[in-house]
Amino acid sequence: GCEAMSKVAEKVADSLYRKDYISEEEKEIYSYGYEILIDNIGKTFLLLMVGAIIHQFVATLVFVVVFTTLRSCCGGYHASKTWQCNLLTVILWGIVIVGIYTEAIIKQCEALAIAIAVVSELVIYQCAPVEHQNKKLTNEKKVRNRRCALGLGMIYGILILLLSLTKLAIALALTVLEVVILMIIPSEGRSNEP
């Protein structure tokens, strides 16, 4: 579990240090970074595996790709502990999968997907990127993240409309909506400059 991940991350960082790629001061930072990377790869693999088992691999892949790409530009709420983050990810994925299974209900109101796409794009336009208090962004990074968020938001919004209420459109719309909700939760750090 978690201890094994830490040991692997430490060994990788230690190996980089011994080969003179990083300094001793950087070892802890690299070890932590690799631990997060290993955790994220593991989480992604597990989600995709469960998605395949329940015959929702493509929807799970849509969730992973859209959530990861949009979230990295938009920022927003971050859980303070790894287990909380993992639990939140599973809950958000679960909501998308449940949403797909309620496709018949959602199909009744085509306007819902369009509303999600439009409202999400407006929130992204108004708020992106949302900084985390422990990870401030440089102005250059803010501008880059904002462009990325607006571009991806527009692409995903257009895809939602083009796929017009297929299971993939529902997965896409719900995932975008979840990223937007995570942007709204923090009370500070929103960027309102163009």
N, C-alpha and C. Protein backbone atom coordinates (compact mmCIF):
# COMPACT_ATOMS: atom_id res chain seq x y z
N GLY A 1 0.79 -1.19 0.00
CA GLY A 1 0.00 0.00 0.00
C GLY A 1 0.84 1.26 0.00
N CYS A 2 0.49 2.15 0.90
CA CYS A 2 1.09 3.48 0.95
C CYS A 2 2.58 3.44 1.30
N GLU A 3 2.94 2.55 2.23
CA GLU A 3 4.34 2.46 2.65
C GLU A 3 5.21 1.94 1.52
N ALA A 4 4.69 0.98 0.76
CA ALA A 4 5.44 0.42 -0.38
C ALA A 4 5.69 1.51 -1.42
N MET A 5 4.66 2.34 -1.65
CA MET A 5 4.79 3.45 -2.60
C MET A 5 5.89 4.41 -2.16
N SER A 6 5.89 4.73 -0.86
CA SER A 6 6.90 5.64 -0.32
C SER A 6 8.30 5.08 -0.51
N LYS A 7 8.44 3.78 -0.27
CA LYS A 7 9.77 3.13 -0.41
C LYS A 7 10.25 3.16 -1.85
N VAL A 8 9.34 2.87 -2.79
CA VAL A 8 9.70 2.90 -4.21
C VAL A 8 10.11 4.32 -4.61
N ALA A 9 9.30 5.31 -4.20
CA ALA A 9 9.58 6.72 -4.51
C ALA A 9 10.93 7.14 -3.93
N GLU A 10 11.21 6.72 -2.68
CA GLU A 10 12.49 7.03 -2.04
C GLU A 10 13.65 6.42 -2.80
N LYS A 11 13.48 5.17 -3.24
CA LYS A 11 14.56 4.49 -3.98
C LYS A 11 14.85 5.18 -5.30
N VAL A 12 13.81 5.63 -5.99
CA VAL A 12 13.99 6.33 -7.26
C VAL A 12 14.74 7.64 -7.01
N ALA A 13 14.31 8.41 -6.01
CA ALA A 13 14.95 9.68 -5.68
C ALA A 13 16.40 9.44 -5.24
N ASP A 14 16.63 8.39 -4.47
CA ASP A 14 17.97 8.05 -4.00
C ASP A 14 18.88 7.70 -5.17
N SER A 15 18.33 6.97 -6.12
CA SER A 15 19.09 6.58 -7.31
C SER A 15 19.48 7.82 -8.12
N LEU A 16 18.55 8.77 -8.26
CA LEU A 16 18.85 10.03 -8.97
C LEU A 16 19.94 10.81 -8.25
N TYR A 17 19.89 10.78 -6.92
CA TYR A 17 20.90 11.48 -6.11
C TYR A 17 22.28 10.85 -6.30
N ARG A 18 22.32 9.51 -6.25
CA ARG A 18 23.61 8.80 -6.40
C ARG A 18 24.22 9.02 -7.78
N LYS A 19 23.37 9.22 -8.78
CA LYS A 19 23.87 9.45 -10.14
C LYS A 19 24.13 10.92 -10.41
N ASP A 20 24.02 11.75 -9.35
CA ASP A 20 24.29 13.20 -9.43
C ASP A 20 23.32 13.98 -10.31
N TYR A 21 22.09 13.46 -10.46
CA TYR A 21 21.08 14.22 -11.22
C TYR A 21 20.42 15.27 -10.33
N ILE A 22 20.34 14.97 -9.04
CA ILE A 22 19.71 15.90 -8.09
C ILE A 22 20.60 16.04 -6.85
N SER A 23 20.41 17.15 -6.12
CA SER A 23 21.19 17.38 -4.90
C SER A 23 20.50 16.69 -3.73
N GLU A 24 21.21 16.61 -2.61
CA GLU A 24 20.64 15.96 -1.43
C GLU A 24 19.39 16.70 -0.93
N GLU A 25 19.40 18.03 -1.07
CA GLU A 25 18.25 18.83 -0.63
C GLU A 25 17.01 18.52 -1.48
N GLU A 26 17.24 18.18 -2.74
CA GLU A 26 16.12 17.93 -3.65
C GLU A 26 15.54 16.51 -3.50
N LYS A 27 16.28 15.64 -2.82
CA LYS A 27 15.87 14.24 -2.69
C LYS A 27 14.45 14.09 -2.13
N GLU A 28 14.16 14.82 -1.06
CA GLU A 28 12.85 14.72 -0.41
C GLU A 28 11.73 15.20 -1.34
N ILE A 29 12.00 16.29 -2.06
CA ILE A 29 11.01 16.85 -2.99
C ILE A 29 10.72 15.84 -4.10
N TYR A 30 11.78 15.26 -4.67
CA TYR A 30 11.61 14.27 -5.74
C TYR A 30 10.90 13.03 -5.24
N SER A 31 11.24 12.60 -4.04
CA SER A 31 10.63 11.42 -3.44
C SER A 31 9.11 11.65 -3.30
N TYR A 32 8.73 12.83 -2.82
CA TYR A 32 7.32 13.18 -2.66
C TYR A 32 6.61 13.23 -4.02
N GLY A 33 7.28 13.84 -5.00
CA GLY A 33 6.73 13.94 -6.36
C GLY A 33 6.49 12.57 -6.97
N TYR A 34 7.46 11.68 -6.82
CA TYR A 34 7.31 10.33 -7.37
C TYR A 34 6.22 9.55 -6.64
N GLU A 35 6.07 9.80 -5.36
CA GLU A 35 5.02 9.14 -4.58
C GLU A 35 3.64 9.54 -5.12
N ILE A 36 3.46 10.83 -5.40
CA ILE A 36 2.20 11.32 -5.96
C ILE A 36 1.97 10.73 -7.36
N LEU A 37 3.05 10.70 -8.16
CA LEU A 37 2.96 10.16 -9.51
C LEU A 37 2.54 8.68 -9.48
N ILE A 38 3.20 7.89 -8.64
CA ILE A 38 2.88 6.46 -8.51
C ILE A 38 1.43 6.29 -8.05
N ASP A 39 1.01 7.11 -7.08
CA ASP A 39 -0.36 7.05 -6.57
C ASP A 39 -1.36 7.35 -7.68
N ASN A 40 -1.08 8.39 -8.48
CA ASN A 40 -1.99 8.77 -9.56
C ASN A 40 -2.06 7.71 -10.66
N ILE A 41 -0.92 7.12 -10.99
CA ILE A 41 -0.91 6.06 -12.00
C ILE A 41 -1.72 4.87 -11.50
N GLY A 42 -1.51 4.52 -10.24
CA GLY A 42 -2.24 3.41 -9.63
C GLY A 42 -3.73 3.66 -9.62
N LYS A 43 -4.12 4.87 -9.21
CA LYS A 43 -5.54 5.26 -9.14
C LYS A 43 -6.17 5.20 -10.53
N THR A 44 -5.47 5.73 -11.53
CA THR A 44 -5.98 5.73 -12.90
C THR A 44 -6.15 4.30 -13.41
N PHE A 45 -5.15 3.46 -13.17
CA PHE A 45 -5.20 2.07 -13.60
C PHE A 45 -6.39 1.35 -12.95
N LEU A 46 -6.57 1.55 -11.65
CA LEU A 46 -7.68 0.90 -10.95
C LEU A 46 -9.05 1.36 -11.49
N LEU A 47 -9.17 2.67 -11.70
CA LEU A 47 -10.43 3.20 -12.24
C LEU A 47 -10.74 2.58 -13.60
N LEU A 48 -9.72 2.54 -14.48
CA LEU A 48 -9.92 1.99 -15.82
C LEU A 48 -10.26 0.50 -15.75
N MET A 49 -9.62 -0.22 -14.82
CA MET A 49 -9.89 -1.64 -14.66
C MET A 49 -11.34 -1.87 -14.21
N VAL A 50 -11.76 -1.11 -13.18
CA VAL A 50 -13.14 -1.23 -12.70
C VAL A 50 -14.11 -0.81 -13.81
N GLY A 51 -13.77 0.24 -14.54
CA GLY A 51 -14.59 0.68 -15.67
C GLY A 51 -14.77 -0.43 -16.69
N ALA A 52 -13.69 -1.15 -16.99
CA ALA A 52 -13.75 -2.26 -17.94
C ALA A 52 -14.62 -3.39 -17.40
N ILE A 53 -14.46 -3.69 -16.11
CA ILE A 53 -15.24 -4.77 -15.49
C ILE A 53 -16.74 -4.50 -15.55
N ILE A 54 -17.12 -3.23 -15.34
CA ILE A 54 -18.56 -2.90 -15.35
C ILE A 54 -19.02 -2.43 -16.73
N HIS A 55 -18.18 -2.71 -17.75
CA HIS A 55 -18.49 -2.38 -19.15
C HIS A 55 -18.69 -0.88 -19.37
N GLN A 56 -17.90 -0.09 -18.66
CA GLN A 56 -17.93 1.37 -18.84
C GLN A 56 -16.51 1.90 -19.02
N PHE A 57 -15.69 1.16 -19.79
CA PHE A 57 -14.29 1.54 -19.97
C PHE A 57 -14.17 2.88 -20.68
N VAL A 58 -14.91 3.05 -21.78
CA VAL A 58 -14.80 4.28 -22.57
C VAL A 58 -15.26 5.49 -21.75
N ALA A 59 -16.35 5.34 -21.02
CA ALA A 59 -16.85 6.44 -20.17
C ALA A 59 -15.83 6.75 -19.08
N THR A 60 -15.19 5.71 -18.53
CA THR A 60 -14.17 5.92 -17.50
C THR A 60 -12.96 6.63 -18.10
N LEU A 61 -12.59 6.24 -19.31
CA LEU A 61 -11.48 6.89 -20.00
C LEU A 61 -11.80 8.36 -20.26
N VAL A 62 -13.04 8.64 -20.67
CA VAL A 62 -13.48 10.03 -20.88
C VAL A 62 -13.34 10.80 -19.56
N PHE A 63 -13.83 10.20 -18.46
CA PHE A 63 -13.72 10.84 -17.15
C PHE A 63 -12.27 11.16 -16.81
N VAL A 64 -11.39 10.16 -16.94
CA VAL A 64 -9.98 10.33 -16.57
C VAL A 64 -9.32 11.43 -17.42
N VAL A 65 -9.50 11.36 -18.74
CA VAL A 65 -8.85 12.32 -19.63
C VAL A 65 -9.39 13.74 -19.41
N VAL A 66 -10.72 13.88 -19.41
CA VAL A 66 -11.33 15.21 -19.27
C VAL A 66 -11.03 15.79 -17.89
N PHE A 67 -11.20 14.99 -16.85
CA PHE A 67 -10.97 15.46 -15.49
C PHE A 67 -9.52 15.91 -15.31
N THR A 68 -8.58 15.06 -15.76
CA THR A 68 -7.16 15.36 -15.58
C THR A 68 -6.73 16.59 -16.35
N THR A 69 -7.12 16.66 -17.64
CA THR A 69 -6.67 17.79 -18.46
C THR A 69 -7.30 19.11 -18.02
N LEU A 70 -8.61 19.10 -17.82
CA LEU A 70 -9.30 20.34 -17.46
C LEU A 70 -8.92 20.80 -16.06
N ARG A 71 -8.83 19.85 -15.15
CA ARG A 71 -8.50 20.17 -13.76
C ARG A 71 -7.09 20.76 -13.63
N SER A 72 -6.15 20.25 -14.45
CA SER A 72 -4.77 20.75 -14.36
C SER A 72 -4.69 22.22 -14.77
N CYS A 73 -5.60 22.68 -15.64
CA CYS A 73 -5.62 24.09 -16.06
C CYS A 73 -6.48 24.95 -15.15
N CYS A 74 -7.62 24.38 -14.72
CA CYS A 74 -8.60 25.17 -13.98
C CYS A 74 -8.28 25.30 -12.50
N GLY A 75 -7.65 24.28 -11.92
CA GLY A 75 -7.37 24.31 -10.48
C GLY A 75 -8.65 24.15 -9.68
N GLY A 76 -8.61 24.61 -8.44
CA GLY A 76 -9.78 24.52 -7.58
C GLY A 76 -9.51 23.79 -6.29
N TYR A 77 -10.57 23.24 -5.71
CA TYR A 77 -10.49 22.58 -4.41
C TYR A 77 -9.54 21.38 -4.44
N HIS A 78 -8.73 21.26 -3.40
CA HIS A 78 -7.86 20.09 -3.21
C HIS A 78 -8.08 19.55 -1.82
N ALA A 79 -8.27 18.23 -1.72
CA ALA A 79 -8.40 17.60 -0.41
C ALA A 79 -7.05 17.69 0.30
N SER A 80 -7.07 17.78 1.63
CA SER A 80 -5.82 17.95 2.37
C SER A 80 -5.08 16.64 2.59
N LYS A 81 -5.76 15.51 2.48
CA LYS A 81 -5.12 14.21 2.69
C LYS A 81 -5.32 13.34 1.46
N THR A 82 -4.33 12.47 1.18
CA THR A 82 -4.37 11.61 -0.01
C THR A 82 -5.62 10.74 -0.02
N TRP A 83 -5.99 10.16 1.12
CA TRP A 83 -7.16 9.26 1.14
C TRP A 83 -8.43 10.03 0.81
N GLN A 84 -8.50 11.32 1.24
CA GLN A 84 -9.67 12.14 0.93
C GLN A 84 -9.74 12.43 -0.58
N CYS A 85 -8.57 12.69 -1.15
CA CYS A 85 -8.47 12.95 -2.59
C CYS A 85 -8.91 11.71 -3.37
N ASN A 86 -8.41 10.53 -2.96
CA ASN A 86 -8.77 9.28 -3.64
C ASN A 86 -10.27 9.00 -3.52
N LEU A 87 -10.81 9.22 -2.32
CA LEU A 87 -12.24 9.00 -2.10
C LEU A 87 -13.07 9.96 -2.97
N LEU A 88 -12.67 11.22 -3.00
CA LEU A 88 -13.37 12.22 -3.81
C LEU A 88 -13.35 11.83 -5.29
N THR A 89 -12.19 11.39 -5.78
CA THR A 89 -12.07 10.97 -7.18
C THR A 89 -13.02 9.82 -7.49
N VAL A 90 -13.07 8.83 -6.59
CA VAL A 90 -13.95 7.67 -6.79
C VAL A 90 -15.42 8.11 -6.77
N ILE A 91 -15.77 9.01 -5.86
CA ILE A 91 -17.15 9.52 -5.78
C ILE A 91 -17.51 10.26 -7.08
N LEU A 92 -16.61 11.12 -7.56
CA LEU A 92 -16.88 11.89 -8.78
C LEU A 92 -17.02 10.96 -9.98
N TRP A 93 -16.15 9.94 -10.06
CA TRP A 93 -16.24 8.95 -11.14
C TRP A 93 -17.57 8.20 -11.02
N GLY A 94 -17.94 7.84 -9.80
CA GLY A 94 -19.19 7.12 -9.56
C GLY A 94 -20.40 7.92 -10.03
N ILE A 95 -20.38 9.22 -9.79
CA ILE A 95 -21.48 10.08 -10.23
C ILE A 95 -21.61 10.06 -11.75
N VAL A 96 -20.47 10.09 -12.44
CA VAL A 96 -20.47 10.03 -13.91
C VAL A 96 -21.06 8.70 -14.39
N ILE A 97 -20.65 7.60 -13.77
CA ILE A 97 -21.14 6.27 -14.17
C ILE A 97 -22.65 6.14 -13.88
N VAL A 98 -23.08 6.62 -12.71
CA VAL A 98 -24.52 6.59 -12.39
C VAL A 98 -25.28 7.46 -13.40
N GLY A 99 -24.70 8.59 -13.75
CA GLY A 99 -25.31 9.48 -14.75
C GLY A 99 -25.53 8.79 -16.07
N ILE A 100 -24.57 7.95 -16.47
CA ILE A 100 -24.69 7.20 -17.72
C ILE A 100 -25.84 6.20 -17.63
N TYR A 101 -25.97 5.56 -16.47
CA TYR A 101 -27.04 4.57 -16.30
C TYR A 101 -28.42 5.22 -16.23
N THR A 102 -28.45 6.52 -16.00
CA THR A 102 -29.74 7.23 -15.99
C THR A 102 -29.94 7.96 -17.31
N GLU A 103 -29.27 7.45 -18.34
CA GLU A 103 -29.29 8.05 -19.68
C GLU A 103 -30.72 8.31 -20.16
N ALA A 104 -31.62 7.36 -19.91
CA ALA A 104 -33.01 7.49 -20.37
C ALA A 104 -33.65 8.75 -19.78
N ILE A 105 -33.37 9.02 -18.51
CA ILE A 105 -33.94 10.20 -17.84
C ILE A 105 -33.32 11.46 -18.43
N ILE A 106 -31.99 11.44 -18.54
CA ILE A 106 -31.28 12.63 -19.03
C ILE A 106 -31.69 12.94 -20.48
N LYS A 107 -31.94 11.89 -21.28
CA LYS A 107 -32.33 12.10 -22.68
C LYS A 107 -33.63 12.89 -22.79
N GLN A 108 -34.45 12.81 -21.74
CA GLN A 108 -35.73 13.53 -21.75
C GLN A 108 -35.52 15.04 -21.76
N CYS A 109 -34.41 15.49 -21.21
CA CYS A 109 -34.20 16.95 -21.20
C CYS A 109 -32.85 17.29 -21.83
N GLU A 110 -32.90 17.38 -23.15
CA GLU A 110 -31.70 17.68 -23.93
C GLU A 110 -31.11 19.02 -23.51
N ALA A 111 -31.96 19.88 -23.03
CA ALA A 111 -31.51 21.21 -22.62
C ALA A 111 -30.52 21.13 -21.46
N LEU A 112 -30.59 20.05 -20.66
CA LEU A 112 -29.71 19.91 -19.49
C LEU A 112 -28.24 19.86 -19.90
N ALA A 113 -27.92 19.03 -20.90
CA ALA A 113 -26.53 18.92 -21.36
C ALA A 113 -26.06 20.25 -21.93
N ILE A 114 -26.93 20.91 -22.67
CA ILE A 114 -26.58 22.21 -23.26
C ILE A 114 -26.35 23.23 -22.14
N ALA A 115 -27.24 23.22 -21.13
CA ALA A 115 -27.09 24.13 -19.99
C ALA A 115 -25.78 23.87 -19.25
N ILE A 116 -25.46 22.58 -19.03
CA ILE A 116 -24.20 22.23 -18.36
C ILE A 116 -23.02 22.78 -19.15
N ALA A 117 -23.04 22.57 -20.48
CA ALA A 117 -21.94 23.04 -21.33
C ALA A 117 -21.80 24.56 -21.25
N VAL A 118 -22.92 25.28 -21.36
CA VAL A 118 -22.88 26.75 -21.36
C VAL A 118 -22.47 27.30 -19.99
N VAL A 119 -23.11 26.81 -18.93
CA VAL A 119 -22.80 27.30 -17.58
C VAL A 119 -21.34 26.99 -17.22
N SER A 120 -20.89 25.78 -17.56
CA SER A 120 -19.51 25.39 -17.27
C SER A 120 -18.52 26.32 -17.97
N GLU A 121 -18.79 26.60 -19.24
CA GLU A 121 -17.90 27.48 -19.99
C GLU A 121 -17.89 28.89 -19.38
N LEU A 122 -19.04 29.37 -18.93
CA LEU A 122 -19.10 30.70 -18.30
C LEU A 122 -18.31 30.74 -16.99
N VAL A 123 -18.44 29.67 -16.19
CA VAL A 123 -17.69 29.61 -14.92
C VAL A 123 -16.18 29.55 -15.20
N ILE A 124 -15.80 28.72 -16.19
CA ILE A 124 -14.38 28.62 -16.56
C ILE A 124 -13.89 29.99 -17.01
N TYR A 125 -14.68 30.67 -17.86
CA TYR A 125 -14.29 31.99 -18.36
C TYR A 125 -14.13 32.99 -17.22
N GLN A 126 -15.05 32.93 -16.25
CA GLN A 126 -15.05 33.88 -15.14
C GLN A 126 -13.95 33.59 -14.11
N CYS A 127 -13.69 32.32 -13.82
CA CYS A 127 -12.86 31.97 -12.65
C CYS A 127 -11.49 31.38 -12.94
N ALA A 128 -11.30 30.75 -14.08
CA ALA A 128 -10.05 30.00 -14.31
C ALA A 128 -8.85 30.93 -14.45
N PRO A 129 -7.70 30.53 -13.90
CA PRO A 129 -7.49 29.37 -13.04
C PRO A 129 -7.71 29.73 -11.57
N VAL A 130 -8.07 28.73 -10.76
CA VAL A 130 -8.23 28.92 -9.32
C VAL A 130 -6.97 28.40 -8.65
N GLU A 131 -6.26 29.29 -7.97
CA GLU A 131 -5.00 28.90 -7.31
C GLU A 131 -5.28 28.16 -6.01
N HIS A 132 -4.38 27.27 -5.67
CA HIS A 132 -4.44 26.64 -4.35
C HIS A 132 -3.58 27.50 -3.43
N GLN A 133 -4.01 27.68 -2.18
CA GLN A 133 -3.27 28.59 -1.28
C GLN A 133 -1.83 28.14 -1.05
N ASN A 134 -1.55 26.84 -1.17
CA ASN A 134 -0.18 26.36 -0.96
C ASN A 134 0.63 26.30 -2.25
N LYS A 135 0.00 26.62 -3.35
CA LYS A 135 0.69 26.51 -4.64
C LYS A 135 0.34 27.72 -5.50
N LYS A 136 1.01 28.83 -5.24
CA LYS A 136 0.72 30.05 -5.98
C LYS A 136 1.29 29.94 -7.41
N LEU A 137 0.57 30.55 -8.35
CA LEU A 137 0.98 30.52 -9.75
C LEU A 137 1.67 31.83 -10.13
N THR A 138 2.69 31.73 -10.98
CA THR A 138 3.30 32.94 -11.51
C THR A 138 2.30 33.54 -12.51
N ASN A 139 2.47 34.82 -12.84
CA ASN A 139 1.55 35.45 -13.80
C ASN A 139 1.58 34.74 -15.14
N GLU A 140 2.78 34.31 -15.56
CA GLU A 140 2.94 33.60 -16.82
C GLU A 140 2.15 32.28 -16.80
N LYS A 141 2.24 31.56 -15.69
CA LYS A 141 1.54 30.28 -15.53
C LYS A 141 0.03 30.51 -15.47
N LYS A 142 -0.38 31.62 -14.82
CA LYS A 142 -1.82 31.95 -14.76
C LYS A 142 -2.37 32.16 -16.16
N VAL A 143 -1.64 32.93 -16.97
CA VAL A 143 -2.09 33.23 -18.34
C VAL A 143 -2.15 31.93 -19.15
N ARG A 144 -1.11 31.08 -19.02
CA ARG A 144 -1.06 29.82 -19.75
C ARG A 144 -2.22 28.91 -19.33
N ASN A 145 -2.43 28.80 -18.01
CA ASN A 145 -3.51 27.95 -17.50
C ASN A 145 -4.88 28.47 -17.94
N ARG A 146 -5.01 29.80 -17.96
CA ARG A 146 -6.29 30.40 -18.36
C ARG A 146 -6.59 30.07 -19.83
N ARG A 147 -5.59 30.24 -20.69
CA ARG A 147 -5.77 29.93 -22.12
C ARG A 147 -6.13 28.46 -22.31
N CYS A 148 -5.40 27.61 -21.59
CA CYS A 148 -5.63 26.16 -21.66
C CYS A 148 -7.05 25.84 -21.19
N ALA A 149 -7.47 26.42 -20.07
CA ALA A 149 -8.81 26.18 -19.51
C ALA A 149 -9.90 26.63 -20.48
N LEU A 150 -9.73 27.82 -21.06
CA LEU A 150 -10.73 28.33 -22.00
C LEU A 150 -10.80 27.47 -23.26
N GLY A 151 -9.62 27.08 -23.77
CA GLY A 151 -9.56 26.24 -24.97
C GLY A 151 -10.19 24.88 -24.74
N LEU A 152 -9.78 24.21 -23.66
CA LEU A 152 -10.34 22.89 -23.36
C LEU A 152 -11.83 22.98 -23.04
N GLY A 153 -12.21 24.01 -22.29
CA GLY A 153 -13.62 24.21 -21.96
C GLY A 153 -14.46 24.33 -23.22
N MET A 154 -13.94 25.08 -24.20
CA MET A 154 -14.66 25.27 -25.45
C MET A 154 -14.72 23.95 -26.24
N ILE A 155 -13.59 23.24 -26.32
CA ILE A 155 -13.54 21.96 -27.04
C ILE A 155 -14.52 20.97 -26.42
N TYR A 156 -14.47 20.84 -25.10
CA TYR A 156 -15.36 19.89 -24.42
C TYR A 156 -16.83 20.32 -24.56
N GLY A 157 -17.07 21.63 -24.49
CA GLY A 157 -18.43 22.14 -24.67
C GLY A 157 -18.98 21.80 -26.05
N ILE A 158 -18.16 22.02 -27.07
CA ILE A 158 -18.58 21.70 -28.45
C ILE A 158 -18.81 20.20 -28.60
N LEU A 159 -17.92 19.39 -28.02
CA LEU A 159 -18.08 17.93 -28.07
C LEU A 159 -19.38 17.48 -27.41
N ILE A 160 -19.72 18.10 -26.27
CA ILE A 160 -20.97 17.77 -25.58
C ILE A 160 -22.15 18.00 -26.53
N LEU A 161 -22.11 19.13 -27.24
CA LEU A 161 -23.21 19.47 -28.16
C LEU A 161 -23.21 18.55 -29.38
N LEU A 162 -22.02 18.25 -29.93
CA LEU A 162 -21.92 17.39 -31.11
C LEU A 162 -22.34 15.95 -30.83
N LEU A 163 -21.97 15.46 -29.65
CA LEU A 163 -22.30 14.07 -29.30
C LEU A 163 -23.75 13.92 -28.88
N SER A 164 -24.46 15.03 -28.85
CA SER A 164 -25.85 15.16 -28.44
C SER A 164 -26.46 13.97 -27.71
N LEU A 165 -26.18 13.98 -26.43
CA LEU A 165 -26.80 13.06 -25.48
C LEU A 165 -26.56 11.57 -25.70
N THR A 166 -25.41 11.24 -26.24
CA THR A 166 -25.00 9.84 -26.20
C THR A 166 -24.42 9.64 -24.80
N LYS A 167 -24.08 8.41 -24.47
CA LYS A 167 -23.48 8.14 -23.15
C LYS A 167 -22.19 8.94 -22.97
N LEU A 168 -21.43 9.10 -24.06
CA LEU A 168 -20.17 9.85 -23.97
C LEU A 168 -20.42 11.32 -23.67
N ALA A 169 -21.47 11.89 -24.26
CA ALA A 169 -21.81 13.29 -24.00
C ALA A 169 -22.19 13.48 -22.54
N ILE A 170 -22.91 12.52 -22.00
CA ILE A 170 -23.31 12.60 -20.58
C ILE A 170 -22.07 12.50 -19.69
N ALA A 171 -21.17 11.55 -19.99
CA ALA A 171 -19.93 11.40 -19.22
C ALA A 171 -19.11 12.68 -19.28
N LEU A 172 -19.02 13.24 -20.48
CA LEU A 172 -18.27 14.47 -20.70
C LEU A 172 -18.89 15.64 -19.94
N ALA A 173 -20.19 15.82 -20.07
CA ALA A 173 -20.90 16.95 -19.42
C ALA A 173 -20.78 16.85 -17.90
N LEU A 174 -20.98 15.67 -17.35
CA LEU A 174 -20.91 15.51 -15.89
C LEU A 174 -19.50 15.74 -15.37
N THR A 175 -18.49 15.26 -16.12
CA THR A 175 -17.09 15.46 -15.69
C THR A 175 -16.72 16.94 -15.71
N VAL A 176 -17.10 17.63 -16.78
CA VAL A 176 -16.82 19.08 -16.87
C VAL A 176 -17.52 19.81 -15.73
N LEU A 177 -18.77 19.43 -15.46
CA LEU A 177 -19.52 20.05 -14.36
C LEU A 177 -18.82 19.83 -13.02
N GLU A 178 -18.29 18.62 -12.80
CA GLU A 178 -17.58 18.34 -11.54
C GLU A 178 -16.33 19.21 -11.39
N VAL A 179 -15.58 19.38 -12.48
CA VAL A 179 -14.39 20.24 -12.42
C VAL A 179 -14.80 21.67 -12.08
N VAL A 180 -15.89 22.12 -12.68
CA VAL A 180 -16.39 23.48 -12.44
C VAL A 180 -16.83 23.64 -10.98
N ILE A 181 -17.51 22.63 -10.44
CA ILE A 181 -17.92 22.69 -9.03
C ILE A 181 -16.70 22.77 -8.12
N LEU A 182 -15.65 22.00 -8.44
CA LEU A 182 -14.42 22.05 -7.64
C LEU A 182 -13.74 23.42 -7.76
N MET A 183 -13.97 24.12 -8.87
CA MET A 183 -13.43 25.48 -9.02
C MET A 183 -14.18 26.47 -8.13
N ILE A 184 -15.48 26.23 -7.94
CA ILE A 184 -16.33 27.17 -7.21
C ILE A 184 -16.14 27.03 -5.70
N ILE A 185 -15.83 25.82 -5.22
CA ILE A 185 -15.73 25.56 -3.77
C ILE A 185 -14.76 26.50 -3.04
N PRO A 186 -13.49 26.67 -3.52
CA PRO A 186 -12.60 27.58 -2.76
C PRO A 186 -13.12 29.01 -2.83
N SER A 187 -12.99 29.72 -1.72
CA SER A 187 -13.53 31.09 -1.70
C SER A 187 -12.50 32.10 -2.20
N GLU A 188 -11.23 31.65 -2.31
CA GLU A 188 -10.22 32.58 -2.79
C GLU A 188 -9.39 31.95 -3.90
N GLY A 189 -8.61 32.77 -4.59
CA GLY A 189 -7.69 32.26 -5.59
C GLY A 189 -8.22 32.30 -7.01
N ARG A 190 -9.45 32.83 -7.19
CA ARG A 190 -9.99 32.88 -8.54
C ARG A 190 -9.37 34.02 -9.32
N SER A 191 -9.16 33.77 -10.60
CA SER A 191 -8.56 34.79 -11.47
C SER A 191 -9.68 35.46 -12.26
N ASN A 192 -9.80 36.76 -12.14
CA ASN A 192 -10.84 37.44 -12.90
C ASN A 192 -10.24 38.34 -13.99
N GLU A 193 -8.89 38.30 -14.08
CA GLU A 193 -8.30 39.17 -15.09
C GLU A 193 -8.30 38.45 -16.43
N PRO A 194 -8.43 39.20 -17.52
CA PRO A 194 -8.52 38.58 -18.86
C PRO A 194 -7.21 37.95 -19.28
